[in-house]
């Protein structure tokens, strides 16, 4: 069962509560004795696997030319 902490106490101990949540605990913040919010750790981030679609998408020669063409002056101006 997660610990319930009153909002006023949570404000004064916020840094410690965040450290505890980071350590894996779930903490319920209560307002007027009723559960109001939940403080819990973030899921561990997954490293990004760049190029995961390599070889899965086939473009025609025309599509390749269109994607690789230099931007015109007007298009460059739109980006700026």
N, C-alpha and C. Protein backbone atom coordinates (compact mmCIF):
# COMPACT_ATOMS: atom_id res chain seq x y z
N UNK A 1 0.85 -1.19 0.00
CA UNK A 1 0.00 0.00 0.00
C UNK A 1 0.89 1.24 0.00
N UNK A 2 0.67 2.16 -0.95
CA UNK A 2 1.48 3.38 -0.99
C UNK A 2 1.21 4.27 0.21
N UNK A 3 2.22 5.00 0.60
CA UNK A 3 2.07 5.94 1.70
C UNK A 3 1.26 7.14 1.25
N UNK A 4 0.39 7.63 2.14
CA UNK A 4 -0.40 8.82 1.83
C UNK A 4 0.19 9.99 2.63
N UNK A 5 0.48 11.08 1.92
CA UNK A 5 1.09 12.26 2.53
C UNK A 5 0.17 13.45 2.27
N UNK A 6 -0.10 14.22 3.34
CA UNK A 6 -0.93 15.42 3.22
C UNK A 6 -0.24 16.44 2.31
N UNK A 7 -1.00 17.19 1.57
CA UNK A 7 -0.47 18.17 0.63
C UNK A 7 0.49 19.15 1.30
N UNK A 8 0.15 19.65 2.48
CA UNK A 8 1.03 20.60 3.17
C UNK A 8 2.37 19.94 3.49
N UNK A 9 2.35 18.71 4.00
CA UNK A 9 3.59 18.00 4.31
C UNK A 9 4.36 17.71 3.03
N UNK A 10 3.65 17.40 1.96
CA UNK A 10 4.31 17.11 0.68
C UNK A 10 5.05 18.35 0.17
N UNK A 11 4.46 19.52 0.38
CA UNK A 11 5.12 20.75 -0.07
C UNK A 11 6.43 20.98 0.69
N UNK A 12 6.44 20.67 1.97
CA UNK A 12 7.64 20.93 2.76
C UNK A 12 8.68 19.82 2.60
N UNK A 13 8.27 18.64 2.16
CA UNK A 13 9.19 17.51 2.00
C UNK A 13 9.31 17.07 0.55
N UNK A 14 9.00 17.94 -0.37
CA UNK A 14 8.91 17.55 -1.78
C UNK A 14 10.17 16.87 -2.30
N UNK A 15 11.32 17.44 -2.02
CA UNK A 15 12.57 16.89 -2.52
C UNK A 15 12.78 15.45 -2.02
N UNK A 16 12.51 15.20 -0.75
CA UNK A 16 12.66 13.85 -0.20
C UNK A 16 11.65 12.89 -0.83
N UNK A 17 10.43 13.36 -1.04
CA UNK A 17 9.41 12.51 -1.65
C UNK A 17 9.78 12.15 -3.09
N UNK A 18 10.32 13.11 -3.81
CA UNK A 18 10.76 12.84 -5.19
C UNK A 18 11.88 11.81 -5.19
N UNK A 19 12.82 11.93 -4.27
CA UNK A 19 13.91 10.95 -4.16
C UNK A 19 13.35 9.56 -3.87
N UNK A 20 12.37 9.48 -2.98
CA UNK A 20 11.78 8.18 -2.65
C UNK A 20 11.04 7.61 -3.86
N UNK A 21 10.33 8.44 -4.58
CA UNK A 21 9.63 7.97 -5.78
C UNK A 21 10.64 7.50 -6.82
N UNK A 22 11.71 8.23 -6.95
CA UNK A 22 12.76 7.83 -7.90
C UNK A 22 13.34 6.47 -7.51
N UNK A 23 13.34 6.19 -6.22
CA UNK A 23 13.83 4.91 -5.72
C UNK A 23 12.84 3.77 -5.88
N UNK A 24 11.65 4.07 -6.41
CA UNK A 24 10.69 3.01 -6.69
C UNK A 24 9.41 3.06 -5.89
N UNK A 25 9.33 3.95 -4.91
CA UNK A 25 8.11 4.02 -4.10
C UNK A 25 7.00 4.77 -4.82
N UNK A 26 5.78 4.42 -4.48
CA UNK A 26 4.61 5.18 -4.95
C UNK A 26 4.07 5.94 -3.75
N UNK A 27 3.84 7.23 -3.92
CA UNK A 27 3.37 8.07 -2.83
C UNK A 27 2.09 8.77 -3.27
N UNK A 28 1.08 8.69 -2.44
CA UNK A 28 -0.19 9.35 -2.72
C UNK A 28 -0.21 10.69 -1.99
N UNK A 29 -0.51 11.74 -2.71
CA UNK A 29 -0.66 13.08 -2.11
C UNK A 29 -2.15 13.26 -1.81
N UNK A 30 -2.45 13.61 -0.57
CA UNK A 30 -3.84 13.77 -0.16
C UNK A 30 -4.16 15.23 0.11
N UNK A 31 -5.39 15.59 -0.20
CA UNK A 31 -5.89 16.94 0.10
C UNK A 31 -7.15 16.76 0.92
N UNK A 32 -7.15 17.33 2.10
CA UNK A 32 -8.26 17.18 3.04
C UNK A 32 -8.54 15.71 3.33
N UNK A 33 -7.45 14.92 3.41
CA UNK A 33 -7.58 13.51 3.76
C UNK A 33 -8.01 12.59 2.63
N UNK A 34 -8.23 13.15 1.44
CA UNK A 34 -8.67 12.33 0.30
C UNK A 34 -7.56 12.27 -0.75
N UNK A 35 -7.32 11.09 -1.34
CA UNK A 35 -6.30 10.98 -2.37
C UNK A 35 -6.52 12.01 -3.48
N UNK A 36 -5.46 12.70 -3.84
CA UNK A 36 -5.57 13.80 -4.79
C UNK A 36 -4.63 13.63 -5.99
N UNK A 37 -3.42 13.10 -5.74
CA UNK A 37 -2.45 12.92 -6.80
C UNK A 37 -1.53 11.77 -6.42
N UNK A 38 -0.81 11.28 -7.43
CA UNK A 38 0.10 10.15 -7.20
C UNK A 38 1.49 10.53 -7.70
N UNK A 39 2.49 10.25 -6.88
CA UNK A 39 3.88 10.49 -7.24
C UNK A 39 4.53 9.13 -7.40
N UNK A 40 5.01 8.85 -8.61
CA UNK A 40 5.65 7.57 -8.86
C UNK A 40 6.81 7.72 -9.81
N UNK A 41 7.70 6.71 -9.83
CA UNK A 41 8.90 6.84 -10.67
C UNK A 41 8.55 6.73 -12.14
N UNK A 42 9.36 7.37 -12.95
CA UNK A 42 9.22 7.22 -14.40
C UNK A 42 9.73 5.85 -14.81
N UNK A 43 9.16 5.34 -15.88
CA UNK A 43 9.67 4.09 -16.43
C UNK A 43 11.06 4.36 -17.00
N UNK A 44 11.96 3.41 -16.90
CA UNK A 44 13.30 3.64 -17.46
C UNK A 44 13.20 3.92 -18.96
N UNK A 45 13.98 4.88 -19.39
CA UNK A 45 13.94 5.22 -20.82
C UNK A 45 14.68 4.16 -21.62
N UNK A 46 14.19 3.92 -22.81
CA UNK A 46 14.81 2.95 -23.71
C UNK A 46 15.70 3.69 -24.68
N UNK A 47 16.90 3.17 -24.92
CA UNK A 47 17.75 3.84 -25.93
C UNK A 47 17.09 3.76 -27.30
N UNK A 48 17.23 4.82 -28.05
CA UNK A 48 16.63 4.85 -29.38
C UNK A 48 17.47 4.05 -30.36
N UNK A 49 16.79 3.29 -31.15
CA UNK A 49 17.46 2.45 -32.15
C UNK A 49 17.28 3.12 -33.50
N UNK A 50 18.20 4.03 -33.84
CA UNK A 50 18.09 4.74 -35.10
C UNK A 50 18.31 3.77 -36.25
N UNK A 51 17.58 4.00 -37.31
CA UNK A 51 17.71 3.16 -38.49
C UNK A 51 16.90 1.89 -38.40
N UNK A 52 15.94 1.82 -37.48
CA UNK A 52 15.18 0.58 -37.31
C UNK A 52 14.29 0.27 -38.52
N UNK A 53 14.06 1.23 -39.38
CA UNK A 53 13.26 0.98 -40.58
C UNK A 53 14.12 0.73 -41.82
N UNK A 54 15.42 0.72 -41.64
CA UNK A 54 16.31 0.54 -42.79
C UNK A 54 15.97 -0.76 -43.51
N UNK A 55 15.80 -0.64 -44.82
CA UNK A 55 15.49 -1.81 -45.63
C UNK A 55 14.04 -2.21 -45.65
N UNK A 56 13.19 -1.55 -44.86
CA UNK A 56 11.77 -1.90 -44.80
C UNK A 56 10.91 -1.00 -45.68
N UNK A 57 11.44 0.15 -46.06
CA UNK A 57 10.67 1.09 -46.88
C UNK A 57 11.35 1.21 -48.22
N UNK A 58 10.60 1.00 -49.26
CA UNK A 58 11.14 1.09 -50.61
C UNK A 58 10.53 2.31 -51.30
N UNK A 59 11.37 3.16 -51.84
CA UNK A 59 10.91 4.33 -52.58
C UNK A 59 11.28 4.15 -54.04
N UNK A 60 10.42 4.68 -54.89
CA UNK A 60 10.73 4.65 -56.31
C UNK A 60 11.85 5.65 -56.59
N UNK A 61 12.47 5.55 -57.74
CA UNK A 61 13.52 6.50 -58.12
C UNK A 61 12.98 7.93 -58.12
N UNK A 62 11.74 8.09 -58.58
CA UNK A 62 11.12 9.43 -58.61
C UNK A 62 10.95 9.97 -57.18
N UNK A 63 10.50 9.14 -56.25
CA UNK A 63 10.33 9.57 -54.86
C UNK A 63 11.68 9.92 -54.24
N UNK A 64 12.69 9.12 -54.54
CA UNK A 64 14.04 9.42 -54.04
C UNK A 64 14.53 10.76 -54.56
N UNK A 65 14.35 11.01 -55.85
CA UNK A 65 14.78 12.30 -56.44
C UNK A 65 14.05 13.46 -55.78
N UNK A 66 12.74 13.30 -55.55
CA UNK A 66 11.95 14.37 -54.94
C UNK A 66 12.43 14.65 -53.51
N UNK A 67 12.70 13.61 -52.75
CA UNK A 67 13.15 13.79 -51.36
C UNK A 67 14.55 14.40 -51.28
N UNK A 68 15.38 14.10 -52.24
CA UNK A 68 16.78 14.52 -52.17
C UNK A 68 17.07 15.81 -52.94
N UNK A 69 16.08 16.38 -53.60
CA UNK A 69 16.32 17.59 -54.36
C UNK A 69 16.59 18.76 -53.42
N UNK A 70 17.44 19.70 -53.84
CA UNK A 70 17.68 20.89 -53.01
C UNK A 70 16.40 21.72 -52.89
N UNK A 71 16.25 22.39 -51.77
CA UNK A 71 15.10 23.27 -51.58
C UNK A 71 15.28 24.52 -52.43
N UNK A 72 14.17 25.00 -52.97
CA UNK A 72 14.18 26.25 -53.71
C UNK A 72 14.28 27.43 -52.76
N UNK A 73 14.56 28.60 -53.31
CA UNK A 73 14.72 29.80 -52.48
C UNK A 73 13.46 30.08 -51.66
N UNK A 74 12.30 29.89 -52.27
CA UNK A 74 11.04 30.15 -51.58
C UNK A 74 10.85 29.19 -50.40
N UNK A 75 11.19 27.90 -50.61
CA UNK A 75 11.07 26.93 -49.54
C UNK A 75 12.03 27.23 -48.40
N UNK A 76 13.25 27.63 -48.72
CA UNK A 76 14.22 27.99 -47.71
C UNK A 76 13.71 29.19 -46.91
N UNK A 77 13.16 30.17 -47.60
CA UNK A 77 12.63 31.36 -46.93
C UNK A 77 11.49 30.98 -45.99
N UNK A 78 10.66 30.01 -46.40
CA UNK A 78 9.56 29.56 -45.53
C UNK A 78 10.07 28.95 -44.23
N UNK A 79 11.22 28.27 -44.29
CA UNK A 79 11.79 27.65 -43.11
C UNK A 79 12.42 28.67 -42.18
N UNK A 80 12.84 29.80 -42.72
CA UNK A 80 13.51 30.81 -41.90
C UNK A 80 12.50 31.69 -41.29
